[in-house]
Amino acid sequence: MLLLNRRDAVSEGLASKAEKLGWLGWKRGMLKRSLMDFVGGKMKNFLMRTFFRKSWGKYREMPEVAEKSFSKLWKEGKRL
């Protein structure tokens, strides 16, 4: 039901421009590792708080992104 409601909201254009822009950035970053590793965890946390705070909801806490990504740790030789 949630997915159907979301699909209907998107098809009717109920998503704000900020939400659309945020998801576009998220999609591009997730599809290209170099973009995800371009900024550190502090900047990612700031961007998430800035763009997704309203849509995330006031009763939930935003997830915290680690300072170093898995790929950076792997390159440093700290294989997990």
N, C-alpha and C. Protein backbone atom coordinates (compact mmCIF):
# COMPACT_ATOMS: atom_id res chain seq x y z
N MET A 1 0.82 -1.18 0.00
CA MET A 1 0.00 0.00 0.00
C MET A 1 0.88 1.26 0.00
N LEU A 2 1.94 1.22 0.78
CA LEU A 2 2.84 2.37 0.83
C LEU A 2 3.46 2.65 -0.54
N LEU A 3 3.89 1.61 -1.21
CA LEU A 3 4.48 1.78 -2.54
C LEU A 3 3.46 2.31 -3.54
N LEU A 4 2.23 1.84 -3.45
CA LEU A 4 1.19 2.34 -4.36
C LEU A 4 0.89 3.81 -4.10
N ASN A 5 0.81 4.19 -2.84
CA ASN A 5 0.59 5.60 -2.50
C ASN A 5 1.75 6.47 -2.97
N ARG A 6 2.97 5.97 -2.81
CA ARG A 6 4.14 6.74 -3.25
C ARG A 6 4.12 6.89 -4.76
N ARG A 7 3.80 5.81 -5.48
CA ARG A 7 3.73 5.87 -6.94
C ARG A 7 2.69 6.90 -7.38
N ASP A 8 1.54 6.91 -6.75
CA ASP A 8 0.49 7.86 -7.09
C ASP A 8 0.91 9.30 -6.80
N ALA A 9 1.58 9.52 -5.67
CA ALA A 9 2.04 10.86 -5.32
C ALA A 9 3.05 11.38 -6.34
N VAL A 10 3.94 10.52 -6.78
CA VAL A 10 4.94 10.92 -7.77
C VAL A 10 4.28 11.19 -9.12
N SER A 11 3.38 10.32 -9.53
CA SER A 11 2.73 10.49 -10.84
C SER A 11 1.85 11.75 -10.87
N GLU A 12 1.32 12.15 -9.73
CA GLU A 12 0.50 13.36 -9.65
C GLU A 12 1.33 14.61 -9.40
N GLY A 13 2.64 14.46 -9.25
CA GLY A 13 3.51 15.61 -9.06
C GLY A 13 3.44 16.22 -7.68
N LEU A 14 3.16 15.42 -6.65
CA LEU A 14 3.04 15.94 -5.29
C LEU A 14 4.39 16.07 -4.59
N ALA A 15 5.45 15.57 -5.19
CA ALA A 15 6.78 15.68 -4.58
C ALA A 15 7.32 17.10 -4.83
N SER A 16 7.97 17.67 -3.81
CA SER A 16 8.51 19.02 -3.95
C SER A 16 9.76 19.01 -4.82
N LYS A 17 10.14 20.19 -5.30
CA LYS A 17 11.34 20.30 -6.12
C LYS A 17 12.59 19.92 -5.34
N ALA A 18 12.62 20.28 -4.06
CA ALA A 18 13.77 19.94 -3.22
C ALA A 18 13.90 18.43 -3.08
N GLU A 19 12.76 17.75 -2.92
CA GLU A 19 12.80 16.29 -2.79
C GLU A 19 13.26 15.65 -4.09
N LYS A 20 12.76 16.14 -5.22
CA LYS A 20 13.18 15.61 -6.52
C LYS A 20 14.68 15.82 -6.74
N LEU A 21 15.17 17.00 -6.40
CA LEU A 21 16.59 17.31 -6.56
C LEU A 21 17.43 16.44 -5.64
N GLY A 22 16.97 16.26 -4.42
CA GLY A 22 17.69 15.41 -3.48
C GLY A 22 17.79 13.97 -3.95
N TRP A 23 16.69 13.43 -4.44
CA TRP A 23 16.72 12.05 -4.92
C TRP A 23 17.55 11.90 -6.18
N LEU A 24 17.56 12.93 -7.04
CA LEU A 24 18.40 12.89 -8.23
C LEU A 24 19.88 12.83 -7.83
N GLY A 25 20.26 13.67 -6.87
CA GLY A 25 21.64 13.64 -6.36
C GLY A 25 21.99 12.31 -5.73
N TRP A 26 21.06 11.78 -4.95
CA TRP A 26 21.27 10.48 -4.30
C TRP A 26 21.48 9.38 -5.35
N LYS A 27 20.65 9.38 -6.37
CA LYS A 27 20.74 8.36 -7.42
C LYS A 27 22.08 8.44 -8.14
N ARG A 28 22.49 9.65 -8.50
CA ARG A 28 23.77 9.80 -9.20
C ARG A 28 24.94 9.38 -8.33
N GLY A 29 24.88 9.75 -7.07
CA GLY A 29 25.95 9.36 -6.16
C GLY A 29 26.04 7.87 -5.95
N MET A 30 24.89 7.23 -5.86
CA MET A 30 24.87 5.78 -5.64
C MET A 30 25.32 5.01 -6.87
N LEU A 31 25.13 5.59 -8.04
CA LEU A 31 25.52 4.90 -9.27
C LEU A 31 26.99 5.10 -9.62
N LYS A 32 27.64 6.06 -8.99
CA LYS A 32 29.04 6.34 -9.31
C LYS A 32 29.85 6.44 -8.01
N ARG A 33 30.69 5.47 -7.74
CA ARG A 33 31.45 5.38 -6.50
C ARG A 33 32.33 6.61 -6.29
N SER A 34 32.92 7.16 -7.34
CA SER A 34 33.82 8.31 -7.17
C SER A 34 33.05 9.52 -6.63
N LEU A 35 31.78 9.67 -6.98
CA LEU A 35 30.98 10.76 -6.43
C LEU A 35 30.67 10.53 -4.96
N MET A 36 30.42 9.28 -4.59
CA MET A 36 30.15 8.98 -3.18
C MET A 36 31.38 9.22 -2.31
N ASP A 37 32.56 8.96 -2.85
CA ASP A 37 33.79 9.14 -2.08
C ASP A 37 34.37 10.55 -2.19
N PHE A 38 33.74 11.42 -2.97
CA PHE A 38 34.25 12.76 -3.18
C PHE A 38 34.23 13.59 -1.90
N VAL A 39 33.19 13.40 -1.10
CA VAL A 39 33.08 14.13 0.17
C VAL A 39 33.11 13.14 1.33
N GLY A 40 33.46 13.64 2.50
CA GLY A 40 33.56 12.79 3.68
C GLY A 40 32.22 12.62 4.38
N GLY A 41 32.25 11.89 5.46
CA GLY A 41 31.05 11.58 6.22
C GLY A 41 30.37 12.79 6.83
N LYS A 42 31.15 13.77 7.28
CA LYS A 42 30.56 14.96 7.88
C LYS A 42 29.72 15.72 6.86
N MET A 43 30.22 15.86 5.64
CA MET A 43 29.48 16.57 4.60
C MET A 43 28.23 15.77 4.20
N LYS A 44 28.35 14.46 4.13
CA LYS A 44 27.20 13.63 3.78
C LYS A 44 26.12 13.76 4.86
N ASN A 45 26.51 13.77 6.13
CA ASN A 45 25.55 13.93 7.21
C ASN A 45 24.87 15.30 7.13
N PHE A 46 25.65 16.34 6.84
CA PHE A 46 25.09 17.68 6.70
C PHE A 46 24.07 17.73 5.56
N LEU A 47 24.43 17.15 4.42
CA LEU A 47 23.52 17.16 3.26
C LEU A 47 22.24 16.38 3.55
N MET A 48 22.37 15.26 4.23
CA MET A 48 21.18 14.48 4.58
C MET A 48 20.28 15.25 5.53
N ARG A 49 20.88 15.90 6.54
CA ARG A 49 20.07 16.69 7.47
C ARG A 49 19.41 17.87 6.76
N THR A 50 20.11 18.47 5.82
CA THR A 50 19.58 19.64 5.13
C THR A 50 18.45 19.28 4.17
N PHE A 51 18.63 18.24 3.38
CA PHE A 51 17.67 17.95 2.32
C PHE A 51 16.59 16.94 2.70
N PHE A 52 16.84 16.09 3.66
CA PHE A 52 15.89 15.02 3.94
C PHE A 52 15.23 15.11 5.31
N ARG A 53 15.50 16.14 6.08
CA ARG A 53 14.95 16.25 7.43
C ARG A 53 13.42 16.24 7.42
N LYS A 54 12.80 17.06 6.57
CA LYS A 54 11.34 17.12 6.53
C LYS A 54 10.73 15.82 6.05
N SER A 55 11.28 15.28 4.99
CA SER A 55 10.69 14.06 4.43
C SER A 55 10.96 12.85 5.32
N TRP A 56 12.00 12.90 6.13
CA TRP A 56 12.34 11.78 7.00
C TRP A 56 11.36 11.70 8.16
N GLY A 57 10.90 12.84 8.62
CA GLY A 57 9.92 12.87 9.71
C GLY A 57 10.54 13.37 11.00
N LYS A 58 9.72 14.03 11.80
CA LYS A 58 10.26 14.63 13.02
C LYS A 58 10.39 13.62 14.17
N TYR A 59 9.82 12.44 14.03
CA TYR A 59 9.90 11.45 15.10
C TYR A 59 10.97 10.39 14.87
N ARG A 60 11.66 10.48 13.75
CA ARG A 60 12.74 9.52 13.47
C ARG A 60 14.06 10.27 13.43
N GLU A 61 15.12 9.59 13.81
CA GLU A 61 16.45 10.19 13.76
C GLU A 61 17.11 9.87 12.43
N MET A 62 17.86 10.84 11.91
CA MET A 62 18.57 10.62 10.67
C MET A 62 19.72 9.65 10.92
N PRO A 63 19.97 8.72 10.01
CA PRO A 63 21.11 7.82 10.18
C PRO A 63 22.42 8.59 10.03
N GLU A 64 23.43 8.17 10.73
CA GLU A 64 24.74 8.81 10.65
C GLU A 64 25.63 8.03 9.67
N VAL A 65 26.27 8.76 8.78
CA VAL A 65 27.19 8.16 7.81
C VAL A 65 28.58 8.12 8.44
N ALA A 66 29.29 7.03 8.26
CA ALA A 66 30.64 6.89 8.81
C ALA A 66 31.59 7.90 8.16
N GLU A 67 32.61 8.29 8.89
CA GLU A 67 33.57 9.28 8.38
C GLU A 67 34.27 8.79 7.11
N LYS A 68 34.66 7.52 7.11
CA LYS A 68 35.32 6.95 5.93
C LYS A 68 34.45 5.85 5.35
N SER A 69 34.37 5.83 4.04
CA SER A 69 33.55 4.81 3.39
C SER A 69 34.28 3.47 3.40
N PHE A 70 33.53 2.43 3.09
CA PHE A 70 34.10 1.09 3.04
C PHE A 70 35.23 1.02 2.01
N SER A 71 35.01 1.65 0.85
CA SER A 71 36.04 1.58 -0.20
C SER A 71 37.32 2.31 0.22
N LYS A 72 37.20 3.41 0.95
CA LYS A 72 38.40 4.11 1.45
C LYS A 72 39.14 3.24 2.46
N LEU A 73 38.41 2.61 3.37
CA LEU A 73 39.05 1.73 4.34
C LEU A 73 39.73 0.56 3.64
N TRP A 74 39.09 0.04 2.61
CA TRP A 74 39.65 -1.08 1.85
C TRP A 74 40.96 -0.68 1.17
N LYS A 75 40.97 0.51 0.58
CA LYS A 75 42.19 1.00 -0.09
C LYS A 75 43.32 1.24 0.89
N GLU A 76 42.96 1.63 2.11
CA GLU A 76 43.99 1.85 3.13
C GLU A 76 44.53 0.55 3.70
N GLY A 77 43.93 -0.55 3.36
CA GLY A 77 44.40 -1.83 3.83
C GLY A 77 43.72 -2.33 5.09
N LYS A 78 42.72 -1.61 5.55
CA LYS A 78 41.96 -2.03 6.73
C LYS A 78 40.77 -2.86 6.28
N ARG A 79 41.05 -3.99 5.74
CA ARG A 79 39.99 -4.83 5.17
C ARG A 79 39.10 -5.36 6.28
N LEU A 80 37.81 -5.16 6.13
CA LEU A 80 36.86 -5.57 7.15
C LEU A 80 36.31 -6.94 6.88
